[in-house]
Amino acid sequence: MNTSLYPAQQLRRRVLTWALKLRVNPRVVRIQKMRRKWGSCSSAGTITLASDLATRTRAFQDFVVVHELLHLRLPSHGRLFKALMSAHIPKWRELELLQ
């Protein structure tokens, strides 16, 4: 990853890279201050990530990004959602504990 990018640009690039892998197309990617969570996905296709996510490890960033992008396909946290999380982020359950 290009370290000359601003943190928000790096996160946005990470989202777009994963979106290609997951074959999803977020309509908007927002990076903003969030108090209670690391990210969200709206039913309109907007992915919002906490600006301070940029200070976390790449593995944790990937966990949050993939989690939100998968919601573009599956709104719930059912069995298929969890299986896809495991396929793309094998240690996601450990990362989830770091929230």
PDB file of N, CA and C in Angstrom:
ATOM      1  N   MET A   1       0.845  -1.174   0.000  1.00  0.00           N
ATOM      2  CA  MET A   1       0.000   0.000   0.000  1.00  0.00           C
ATOM      3  C   MET A   1       0.891   1.237   0.000  1.00  0.00           C
ATOM      4  N   ASN A   2       0.501   2.242  -0.736  1.00  0.00           N
ATOM      5  CA  ASN A   2       1.271   3.469  -0.856  1.00  0.00           C
ATOM      6  C   ASN A   2       1.159   4.270   0.439  1.00  0.00           C
ATOM      7  N   THR A   3       2.293   4.473   1.130  1.00  0.00           N
ATOM      8  CA  THR A   3       2.257   5.148   2.419  1.00  0.00           C
ATOM      9  C   THR A   3       2.133   6.657   2.290  1.00  0.00           C
ATOM     10  N   SER A   4       2.213   7.199   1.081  1.00  0.00           N
ATOM     11  CA  SER A   4       2.067   8.639   0.912  1.00  0.00           C
ATOM     12  C   SER A   4       0.599   9.067   0.901  1.00  0.00           C
ATOM     13  N   LEU A   5      -0.312   8.108   0.866  1.00  0.00           N
ATOM     14  CA  LEU A   5      -1.732   8.434   0.882  1.00  0.00           C
ATOM     15  C   LEU A   5      -2.166   8.844   2.287  1.00  0.00           C
ATOM     16  N   TYR A   6      -3.170   9.671   2.361  1.00  0.00           N
ATOM     17  CA  TYR A   6      -3.757  10.010   3.648  1.00  0.00           C
ATOM     18  C   TYR A   6      -4.496   8.794   4.178  1.00  0.00           C
ATOM     19  N   PRO A   7      -4.653   8.692   5.503  1.00  0.00           N
ATOM     20  CA  PRO A   7      -5.319   7.508   6.069  1.00  0.00           C
ATOM     21  C   PRO A   7      -6.695   7.226   5.463  1.00  0.00           C
ATOM     22  N   ALA A   8      -7.500   8.250   5.230  1.00  0.00           N
ATOM     23  CA  ALA A   8      -8.828   8.034   4.645  1.00  0.00           C
ATOM     24  C   ALA A   8      -8.710   7.469   3.236  1.00  0.00           C
ATOM     25  N   GLN A   9      -7.730   7.928   2.470  1.00  0.00           N
ATOM     26  CA  GLN A   9      -7.533   7.410   1.117  1.00  0.00           C
ATOM     27  C   GLN A   9      -7.088   5.954   1.160  1.00  0.00           C
ATOM     28  N   GLN A  10      -6.247   5.618   2.129  1.00  0.00           N
ATOM     29  CA  GLN A  10      -5.794   4.231   2.266  1.00  0.00           C
ATOM     30  C   GLN A  10      -6.970   3.311   2.583  1.00  0.00           C
ATOM     31  N   LEU A  11      -7.843   3.749   3.486  1.00  0.00           N
ATOM     32  CA  LEU A  11      -9.019   2.937   3.817  1.00  0.00           C
ATOM     33  C   LEU A  11      -9.932   2.787   2.606  1.00  0.00           C
ATOM     34  N   ARG A  12     -10.144   3.875   1.890  1.00  0.00           N
ATOM     35  CA  ARG A  12     -10.996   3.830   0.699  1.00  0.00           C
ATOM     36  C   ARG A  12     -10.420   2.855  -0.331  1.00  0.00           C
ATOM     37  N   ARG A  13      -9.123   2.890  -0.528  1.00  0.00           N
ATOM     38  CA  ARG A  13      -8.469   1.977  -1.465  1.00  0.00           C
ATOM     39  C   ARG A  13      -8.628   0.528  -1.014  1.00  0.00           C
ATOM     40  N   ARG A  14      -8.532   0.315   0.296  1.00  0.00           N
ATOM     41  CA  ARG A  14      -8.698  -1.034   0.847  1.00  0.00           C
ATOM     42  C   ARG A  14     -10.111  -1.547   0.575  1.00  0.00           C
ATOM     43  N   VAL A  15     -11.107  -0.688   0.745  1.00  0.00           N
ATOM     44  CA  VAL A  15     -12.499  -1.055   0.471  1.00  0.00           C
ATOM     45  C   VAL A  15     -12.659  -1.430  -1.002  1.00  0.00           C
ATOM     46  N   LEU A  16     -12.109  -0.623  -1.885  1.00  0.00           N
ATOM     47  CA  LEU A  16     -12.268  -0.888  -3.317  1.00  0.00           C
ATOM     48  C   LEU A  16     -11.552  -2.168  -3.742  1.00  0.00           C
ATOM     49  N   THR A  17     -10.399  -2.435  -3.149  1.00  0.00           N
ATOM     50  CA  THR A  17      -9.673  -3.668  -3.437  1.00  0.00           C
ATOM     51  C   THR A  17     -10.506  -4.883  -3.024  1.00  0.00           C
ATOM     52  N   TRP A  18     -11.065  -4.836  -1.813  1.00  0.00           N
ATOM     53  CA  TRP A  18     -11.896  -5.940  -1.336  1.00  0.00           C
ATOM     54  C   TRP A  18     -13.198  -6.038  -2.112  1.00  0.00           C
ATOM     55  N   ALA A  19     -13.754  -4.912  -2.509  1.00  0.00           N
ATOM     56  CA  ALA A  19     -15.011  -4.931  -3.273  1.00  0.00           C
ATOM     57  C   ALA A  19     -14.828  -5.709  -4.574  1.00  0.00           C
ATOM     58  N   LEU A  20     -13.678  -5.534  -5.213  1.00  0.00           N
ATOM     59  CA  LEU A  20     -13.394  -6.295  -6.433  1.00  0.00           C
ATOM     60  C   LEU A  20     -13.312  -7.789  -6.138  1.00  0.00           C
ATOM     61  N   LYS A  21     -12.614  -8.146  -5.053  1.00  0.00           N
ATOM     62  CA  LYS A  21     -12.475  -9.559  -4.692  1.00  0.00           C
ATOM     63  C   LYS A  21     -13.819 -10.195  -4.363  1.00  0.00           C
ATOM     64  N   LEU A  22     -14.661  -9.437  -3.683  1.00  0.00           N
ATOM     65  CA  LEU A  22     -15.952  -9.966  -3.235  1.00  0.00           C
ATOM     66  C   LEU A  22     -17.056  -9.797  -4.275  1.00  0.00           C
ATOM     67  N   ARG A  23     -16.719  -9.098  -5.353  1.00  0.00           N
ATOM     68  CA  ARG A  23     -17.674  -8.832  -6.437  1.00  0.00           C
ATOM     69  C   ARG A  23     -18.933  -8.119  -5.938  1.00  0.00           C
ATOM     70  N   VAL A  24     -18.679  -7.053  -5.183  1.00  0.00           N
ATOM     71  CA  VAL A  24     -19.760  -6.177  -4.731  1.00  0.00           C
ATOM     72  C   VAL A  24     -19.413  -4.759  -5.172  1.00  0.00           C
ATOM     73  N   ASN A  25     -20.422  -3.909  -5.176  1.00  0.00           N
ATOM     74  CA  ASN A  25     -20.206  -2.545  -5.652  1.00  0.00           C
ATOM     75  C   ASN A  25     -20.867  -1.543  -4.701  1.00  0.00           C
ATOM     76  N   PRO A  26     -20.097  -1.062  -3.718  1.00  0.00           N
ATOM     77  CA  PRO A  26     -20.677  -0.052  -2.838  1.00  0.00           C
ATOM     78  C   PRO A  26     -20.957   1.221  -3.627  1.00  0.00           C
ATOM     79  N   ARG A  27     -22.088   1.851  -3.354  1.00  0.00           N
ATOM     80  CA  ARG A  27     -22.437   3.080  -4.079  1.00  0.00           C
ATOM     81  C   ARG A  27     -21.578   4.243  -3.600  1.00  0.00           C
ATOM     82  N   VAL A  28     -21.344   4.305  -2.283  1.00  0.00           N
ATOM     83  CA  VAL A  28     -20.557   5.382  -1.673  1.00  0.00           C
ATOM     84  C   VAL A  28     -19.702   4.767  -0.579  1.00  0.00           C
ATOM     85  N   VAL A  29     -18.474   5.258  -0.442  1.00  0.00           N
ATOM     86  CA  VAL A  29     -17.602   4.854   0.663  1.00  0.00           C
ATOM     87  C   VAL A  29     -17.273   6.118   1.442  1.00  0.00           C
ATOM     88  N   ARG A  30     -17.692   6.138   2.704  1.00  0.00           N
ATOM     89  CA  ARG A  30     -17.443   7.295   3.558  1.00  0.00           C
ATOM     90  C   ARG A  30     -16.506   6.922   4.688  1.00  0.00           C
ATOM     91  N   ILE A  31     -15.618   7.853   5.022  1.00  0.00           N
ATOM     92  CA  ILE A  31     -14.743   7.701   6.174  1.00  0.00           C
ATOM     93  C   ILE A  31     -15.069   8.876   7.085  1.00  0.00           C
ATOM     94  N   GLN A  32     -15.488   8.572   8.300  1.00  0.00           N
ATOM     95  CA  GLN A  32     -15.863   9.657   9.208  1.00  0.00           C
ATOM     96  C   GLN A  32     -15.684   9.223  10.651  1.00  0.00           C
ATOM     97  N   LYS A  33     -15.744  10.180  11.536  1.00  0.00           N
ATOM     98  CA  LYS A  33     -15.638   9.888  12.951  1.00  0.00           C
ATOM     99  C   LYS A  33     -16.889   9.121  13.384  1.00  0.00           C
ATOM    100  N   MET A  34     -16.662   8.008  14.076  1.00  0.00           N
ATOM    101  CA  MET A  34     -17.771   7.197  14.594  1.00  0.00           C
ATOM    102  C   MET A  34     -17.455   6.892  16.059  1.00  0.00           C
ATOM    103  N   ARG A  35     -18.439   7.016  16.902  1.00  0.00           N
ATOM    104  CA  ARG A  35     -18.215   6.823  18.342  1.00  0.00           C
ATOM    105  C   ARG A  35     -18.413   5.388  18.818  1.00  0.00           C
ATOM    106  N   ARG A  36     -19.375   4.688  18.221  1.00  0.00           N
ATOM    107  CA  ARG A  36     -19.775   3.402  18.797  1.00  0.00           C
ATOM    108  C   ARG A  36     -19.391   2.169  17.995  1.00  0.00           C
ATOM    109  N   LYS A  37     -19.008   2.341  16.748  1.00  0.00           N
ATOM    110  CA  LYS A  37     -18.677   1.158  15.948  1.00  0.00           C
ATOM    111  C   LYS A  37     -17.619   1.490  14.908  1.00  0.00           C
ATOM    112  N   TRP A  38     -17.081   0.433  14.306  1.00  0.00           N
ATOM    113  CA  TRP A  38     -16.001   0.591  13.324  1.00  0.00           C
ATOM    114  C   TRP A  38     -16.523   0.820  11.921  1.00  0.00           C
ATOM    115  N   GLY A  39     -17.730   0.353  11.631  1.00  0.00           N
ATOM    116  CA  GLY A  39     -18.252   0.515  10.292  1.00  0.00           C
ATOM    117  C   GLY A  39     -19.730   0.217  10.222  1.00  0.00           C
ATOM    118  N   SER A  40     -20.306   0.584   9.080  1.00  0.00           N
ATOM    119  CA  SER A  40     -21.720   0.266   8.841  1.00  0.00           C
ATOM    120  C   SER A  40     -21.952   0.169   7.340  1.00  0.00           C
ATOM    121  N   CYS A  41     -23.060  -0.476   7.001  1.00  0.00           N
ATOM    122  CA  CYS A  41     -23.477  -0.626   5.616  1.00  0.00           C
ATOM    123  C   CYS A  41     -24.962  -0.304   5.548  1.00  0.00           C
ATOM    124  N   SER A  42     -25.311   0.679   4.739  1.00  0.00           N
ATOM    125  CA  SER A  42     -26.728   1.039   4.620  1.00  0.00           C
ATOM    126  C   SER A  42     -27.399   0.196   3.545  1.00  0.00           C
ATOM    127  N   SER A  43     -28.718   0.140   3.603  1.00  0.00           N
ATOM    128  CA  SER A  43     -29.466  -0.601   2.596  1.00  0.00           C
ATOM    129  C   SER A  43     -29.352   0.059   1.222  1.00  0.00           C
ATOM    130  N   ALA A  44     -28.938   1.322   1.189  1.00  0.00           N
ATOM    131  CA  ALA A  44     -28.741   2.033  -0.078  1.00  0.00           C
ATOM    132  C   ALA A  44     -27.359   1.766  -0.678  1.00  0.00           C
ATOM    133  N   GLY A  45     -26.526   0.978   0.036  1.00  0.00           N
ATOM    134  CA  GLY A  45     -25.215   0.625  -0.500  1.00  0.00           C
ATOM    135  C   GLY A  45     -24.080   1.529  -0.075  1.00  0.00           C
ATOM    136  N   THR A  46     -24.289   2.316   0.975  1.00  0.00           N
ATOM    137  CA  THR A  46     -23.224   3.186   1.487  1.00  0.00           C
ATOM    138  C   THR A  46     -22.446   2.460   2.567  1.00  0.00           C
ATOM    139  N   ILE A  47     -21.143   2.386   2.383  1.00  0.00           N
ATOM    140  CA  ILE A  47     -20.250   1.817   3.386  1.00  0.00           C
ATOM    141  C   ILE A  47     -19.629   2.987   4.135  1.00  0.00           C
ATOM    142  N   THR A  48     -19.756   2.975   5.447  1.00  0.00           N
ATOM    143  CA  THR A  48     -19.167   4.020   6.286  1.00  0.00           C
ATOM    144  C   THR A  48     -18.186   3.358   7.234  1.00  0.00           C
ATOM    145  N   LEU A  49     -16.974   3.902   7.283  1.00  0.00           N
ATOM    146  CA  LEU A  49     -15.936   3.372   8.171  1.00  0.00           C
ATOM    147  C   LEU A  49     -15.471   4.460   9.125  1.00  0.00           C
ATOM    148  N   ALA A  50     -15.126   4.049  10.336  1.00  0.00           N
ATOM    149  CA  ALA A  50     -14.605   4.981  11.329  1.00  0.00           C
ATOM    150  C   ALA A  50     -13.223   5.461  10.896  1.00  0.00           C
ATOM    151  N   SER A  51     -12.997   6.751  11.003  1.00  0.00           N
ATOM    152  CA  SER A  51     -11.710   7.311  10.578  1.00  0.00           C
ATOM    153  C   SER A  51     -10.546   6.735  11.381  1.00  0.00           C
ATOM    154  N   ASP A  52     -10.760   6.412  12.658  1.00  0.00           N
ATOM    155  CA  ASP A  52      -9.662   5.868  13.458  1.00  0.00           C
ATOM    156  C   ASP A  52      -9.385   4.390  13.170  1.00  0.00           C
ATOM    157  N   LEU A  53     -10.154   3.783  12.276  1.00  0.00           N
ATOM    158  CA  LEU A  53      -9.850   2.423  11.828  1.00  0.00           C
ATOM    159  C   LEU A  53      -8.469   2.387  11.160  1.00  0.00           C
ATOM    160  N   ALA A  54      -8.068   3.510  10.594  1.00  0.00           N
ATOM    161  CA  ALA A  54      -6.765   3.594   9.917  1.00  0.00           C
ATOM    162  C   ALA A  54      -5.597   3.358  10.872  1.00  0.00           C
ATOM    163  N   THR A  55      -5.816   3.513  12.176  1.00  0.00           N
ATOM    164  CA  THR A  55      -4.742   3.311  13.149  1.00  0.00           C
ATOM    165  C   THR A  55      -4.634   1.856  13.607  1.00  0.00           C
ATOM    166  N   ARG A  56      -5.575   1.029  13.195  1.00  0.00           N
ATOM    167  CA  ARG A  56      -5.581  -0.375  13.594  1.00  0.00           C
ATOM    168  C   ARG A  56      -4.753  -1.214  12.620  1.00  0.00           C
ATOM    169  N   THR A  57      -4.532  -2.478  12.961  1.00  0.00           N
ATOM    170  CA  THR A  57      -3.731  -3.356  12.103  1.00  0.00           C
ATOM    171  C   THR A  57      -4.457  -3.605  10.782  1.00  0.00           C
ATOM    172  N   ARG A  58      -3.698  -3.980   9.778  1.00  0.00           N
ATOM    173  CA  ARG A  58      -4.299  -4.296   8.473  1.00  0.00           C
ATOM    174  C   ARG A  58      -5.279  -5.458   8.583  1.00  0.00           C
ATOM    175  N   ALA A  59      -4.942  -6.434   9.408  1.00  0.00           N
ATOM    176  CA  ALA A  59      -5.825  -7.586   9.585  1.00  0.00           C
ATOM    177  C   ALA A  59      -7.175  -7.144  10.149  1.00  0.00           C
ATOM    178  N   PHE A  60      -7.147  -6.238  11.127  1.00  0.00           N
ATOM    179  CA  PHE A  60      -8.398  -5.756  11.706  1.00  0.00           C
ATOM    180  C   PHE A  60      -9.157  -4.897  10.694  1.00  0.00           C
ATOM    181  N   GLN A  61      -8.437  -4.078   9.944  1.00  0.00           N
ATOM    182  CA  GLN A  61      -9.076  -3.279   8.891  1.00  0.00           C
ATOM    183  C   GLN A  61      -9.783  -4.197   7.891  1.00  0.00           C
ATOM    184  N   ASP A  62      -9.087  -5.243   7.461  1.00  0.00           N
ATOM    185  CA  ASP A  62      -9.682  -6.185   6.508  1.00  0.00           C
ATOM    186  C   ASP A  62     -10.938  -6.833   7.088  1.00  0.00           C
ATOM    187  N   PHE A  63     -10.881  -7.208   8.350  1.00  0.00           N
ATOM    188  CA  PHE A  63     -12.043  -7.800   9.021  1.00  0.00           C
ATOM    189  C   PHE A  63     -13.248  -6.861   8.933  1.00  0.00           C
ATOM    190  N   VAL A  64     -13.061  -5.593   9.286  1.00  0.00           N
ATOM    191  CA  VAL A  64     -14.166  -4.629   9.283  1.00  0.00           C
ATOM    192  C   VAL A  64     -14.653  -4.379   7.856  1.00  0.00           C
ATOM    193  N   VAL A  65     -13.726  -4.186   6.941  1.00  0.00           N
ATOM    194  CA  VAL A  65     -14.083  -3.892   5.549  1.00  0.00           C
ATOM    195  C   VAL A  65     -14.862  -5.049   4.931  1.00  0.00           C
ATOM    196  N   VAL A  66     -14.363  -6.261   5.083  1.00  0.00           N
ATOM    197  CA  VAL A  66     -15.039  -7.435   4.510  1.00  0.00           C
ATOM    198  C   VAL A  66     -16.410  -7.620   5.159  1.00  0.00           C
ATOM    199  N   HIS A  67     -16.468  -7.446   6.472  1.00  0.00           N
ATOM    200  CA  HIS A  67     -17.751  -7.569   7.178  1.00  0.00           C
ATOM    201  C   HIS A  67     -18.787  -6.619   6.580  1.00  0.00           C
ATOM    202  N   GLU A  68     -18.421  -5.366   6.403  1.00  0.00           N
ATOM    203  CA  GLU A  68     -19.383  -4.381   5.882  1.00  0.00           C
ATOM    204  C   GLU A  68     -19.710  -4.653   4.414  1.00  0.00           C
ATOM    205  N   LEU A  69     -18.719  -4.995   3.622  1.00  0.00           N
ATOM    206  CA  LEU A  69     -18.981  -5.270   2.201  1.00  0.00           C
ATOM    207  C   LEU A  69     -19.882  -6.496   2.015  1.00  0.00           C
ATOM    208  N   LEU A  70     -19.705  -7.508   2.840  1.00  0.00           N
ATOM    209  CA  LEU A  70     -20.562  -8.695   2.721  1.00  0.00           C
ATOM    210  C   LEU A  70     -22.021  -8.373   3.007  1.00  0.00           C
ATOM    211  N   HIS A  71     -22.252  -7.325   3.787  1.00  0.00           N
ATOM    212  CA  HIS A  71     -23.640  -6.919   4.043  1.00  0.00           C
ATOM    213  C   HIS A  71     -24.320  -6.382   2.779  1.00  0.00           C
ATOM    214  N   LEU A  72     -23.560  -6.041   1.770  1.00  0.00           N
ATOM    215  CA  LEU A  72     -24.176  -5.646   0.500  1.00  0.00           C
ATOM    216  C   LEU A  72     -24.865  -6.845  -0.150  1.00  0.00           C
ATOM    217  N   ARG A  73     -24.416  -8.048   0.174  1.00  0.00           N
ATOM    218  CA  ARG A  73     -25.019  -9.281  -0.344  1.00  0.00           C
ATOM    219  C   ARG A  73     -25.975  -9.915   0.649  1.00  0.00           C
ATOM    220  N   LEU A  74     -25.578  -9.909   1.905  1.00  0.00           N
ATOM    221  CA  LEU A  74     -26.345 -10.601   2.952  1.00  0.00           C
ATOM    222  C   LEU A  74     -26.572  -9.654   4.136  1.00  0.00           C
ATOM    223  N   PRO A  75     -27.800  -9.229   4.366  1.00  0.00           N
ATOM    224  CA  PRO A  75     -28.034  -8.266   5.441  1.00  0.00           C
ATOM    225  C   PRO A  75     -27.876  -8.836   6.854  1.00  0.00           C
ATOM    226  N   SER A  76     -28.082 -10.125   7.028  1.00  0.00           N
ATOM    227  CA  SER A  76     -28.021 -10.694   8.379  1.00  0.00           C
ATOM    228  C   SER A  76     -26.669 -11.353   8.642  1.00  0.00           C
ATOM    229  N   HIS A  77     -26.468 -11.763   9.891  1.00  0.00           N
ATOM    230  CA  HIS A  77     -25.248 -12.456  10.294  1.00  0.00           C
ATOM    231  C   HIS A  77     -25.489 -13.968  10.376  1.00  0.00           C
ATOM    232  N   GLY A  78     -26.228 -14.492   9.430  1.00  0.00           N
ATOM    233  CA  GLY A  78     -26.568 -15.911   9.428  1.00  0.00           C
ATOM    234  C   GLY A  78     -25.403 -16.815   9.064  1.00  0.00           C
ATOM    235  N   ARG A  79     -25.719 -18.075   8.851  1.00  0.00           N
ATOM    236  CA  ARG A  79     -24.689 -19.090   8.583  1.00  0.00           C
ATOM    237  C   ARG A  79     -23.892 -18.796   7.316  1.00  0.00           C
ATOM    238  N   LEU A  80     -24.560 -18.387   6.259  1.00  0.00           N
ATOM    239  CA  LEU A  80     -23.860 -18.093   5.008  1.00  0.00           C
ATOM    240  C   LEU A  80     -22.921 -16.904   5.181  1.00  0.00           C
ATOM    241  N   PHE A  81     -23.382 -15.871   5.887  1.00  0.00           N
ATOM    242  CA  PHE A  81     -22.538 -14.703   6.155  1.00  0.00           C
ATOM    243  C   PHE A  81     -21.268 -15.143   6.894  1.00  0.00           C
ATOM    244  N   LYS A  82     -21.440 -15.933   7.937  1.00  0.00           N
ATOM    245  CA  LYS A  82     -20.300 -16.386   8.732  1.00  0.00           C
ATOM    246  C   LYS A  82     -19.370 -17.275   7.911  1.00  0.00           C
ATOM    247  N   ALA A  83     -19.929 -18.103   7.037  1.00  0.00           N
ATOM    248  CA  ALA A  83     -19.108 -18.957   6.175  1.00  0.00           C
ATOM    249  C   ALA A  83     -18.275 -18.108   5.208  1.00  0.00           C
ATOM    250  N   LEU A  84     -18.887 -17.066   4.657  1.00  0.00           N
ATOM    251  CA  LEU A  84     -18.137 -16.182   3.757  1.00  0.00           C
ATOM    252  C   LEU A  84     -17.061 -15.405   4.507  1.00  0.00           C
ATOM    253  N   MET A  85     -17.374 -14.978   5.726  1.00  0.00           N
ATOM    254  CA  MET A  85     -16.354 -14.312   6.542  1.00  0.00           C
ATOM    255  C   MET A  85     -15.170 -15.256   6.760  1.00  0.00           C
ATOM    256  N   SER A  86     -15.463 -16.504   7.098  1.00  0.00           N
ATOM    257  CA  SER A  86     -14.402 -17.488   7.338  1.00  0.00           C
ATOM    258  C   SER A  86     -13.592 -17.764   6.077  1.00  0.00           C
ATOM    259  N   ALA A  87     -14.247 -17.760   4.931  1.00  0.00           N
ATOM    260  CA  ALA A  87     -13.547 -18.016   3.671  1.00  0.00           C
ATOM    261  C   ALA A  87     -12.572 -16.885   3.331  1.00  0.00           C
ATOM    262  N   HIS A  88     -12.948 -15.657   3.649  1.00  0.00           N
ATOM    263  CA  HIS A  88     -12.116 -14.507   3.270  1.00  0.00           C
ATOM    264  C   HIS A  88     -11.209 -14.014   4.392  1.00  0.00           C
ATOM    265  N   ILE A  89     -11.663 -14.129   5.629  1.00  0.00           N
ATOM    266  CA  ILE A  89     -10.878 -13.697   6.801  1.00  0.00           C
ATOM    267  C   ILE A  89     -10.902 -14.858   7.801  1.00  0.00           C
ATOM    268  N   PRO A  90     -10.026 -15.846   7.610  1.00  0.00           N
ATOM    269  CA  PRO A  90     -10.081 -17.063   8.431  1.00  0.00           C
ATOM    270  C   PRO A  90     -10.070 -16.819   9.949  1.00  0.00           C
ATOM    271  N   LYS A  91      -9.382 -15.798  10.406  1.00  0.00           N
ATOM    272  CA  LYS A  91      -9.296 -15.547  11.853  1.00  0.00           C
ATOM    273  C   LYS A  91     -10.254 -14.443  12.300  1.00  0.00           C
ATOM    274  N   TRP A  92     -11.353 -14.275  11.595  1.00  0.00           N
ATOM    275  CA  TRP A  92     -12.265 -13.167  11.892  1.00  0.00           C
ATOM    276  C   TRP A  92     -12.861 -13.237  13.285  1.00  0.00           C
ATOM    277  N   ARG A  93     -13.060 -14.443  13.812  1.00  0.00           N
ATOM    278  CA  ARG A  93     -13.652 -14.553  15.152  1.00  0.00           C
ATOM    279  C   ARG A  93     -12.695 -14.011  16.220  1.00  0.00           C
ATOM    280  N   GLU A  94     -11.414 -14.213  16.031  1.00  0.00           N
ATOM    281  CA  GLU A  94     -10.422 -13.646  16.953  1.00  0.00           C
ATOM    282  C   GLU A  94     -10.395 -12.118  16.825  1.00  0.00           C
ATOM    283  N   LEU A  95     -10.443 -11.637  15.599  1.00  0.00           N
ATOM    284  CA  LEU A  95     -10.427 -10.194  15.362  1.00  0.00           C
ATOM    285  C   LEU A  95     -11.669  -9.518  15.913  1.00  0.00           C
ATOM    286  N   GLU A  96     -12.790 -10.220  15.862  1.00  0.00           N
ATOM    287  CA  GLU A  96     -14.047  -9.679  16.370  1.00  0.00           C
ATOM    288  C   GLU A  96     -13.959  -9.377  17.861  1.00  0.00           C
ATOM    289  N   LEU A  97     -13.161 -10.158  18.571  1.00  0.00           N
ATOM    290  CA  LEU A  97     -12.980  -9.946  20.001  1.00  0.00           C
ATOM    291  C   LEU A  97     -12.203  -8.666  20.315  1.00  0.00           C
ATOM    292  N   LEU A  98     -11.476  -8.150  19.348  1.00  0.00           N
ATOM    293  CA  LEU A  98     -10.667  -6.947  19.550  1.00  0.00           C
ATOM    294  C   LEU A  98     -11.485  -5.660  19.479  1.00  0.00           C
ATOM    295  N   GLN A  99     -12.742  -5.782  19.102  1.00  0.00           N
ATOM    296  CA  GLN A  99     -13.575  -4.585  18.967  1.00  0.00           C
ATOM    297  C   GLN A  99     -13.672  -3.903  20.246  1.00  0.00           C
TER     298      GLN A  99
END
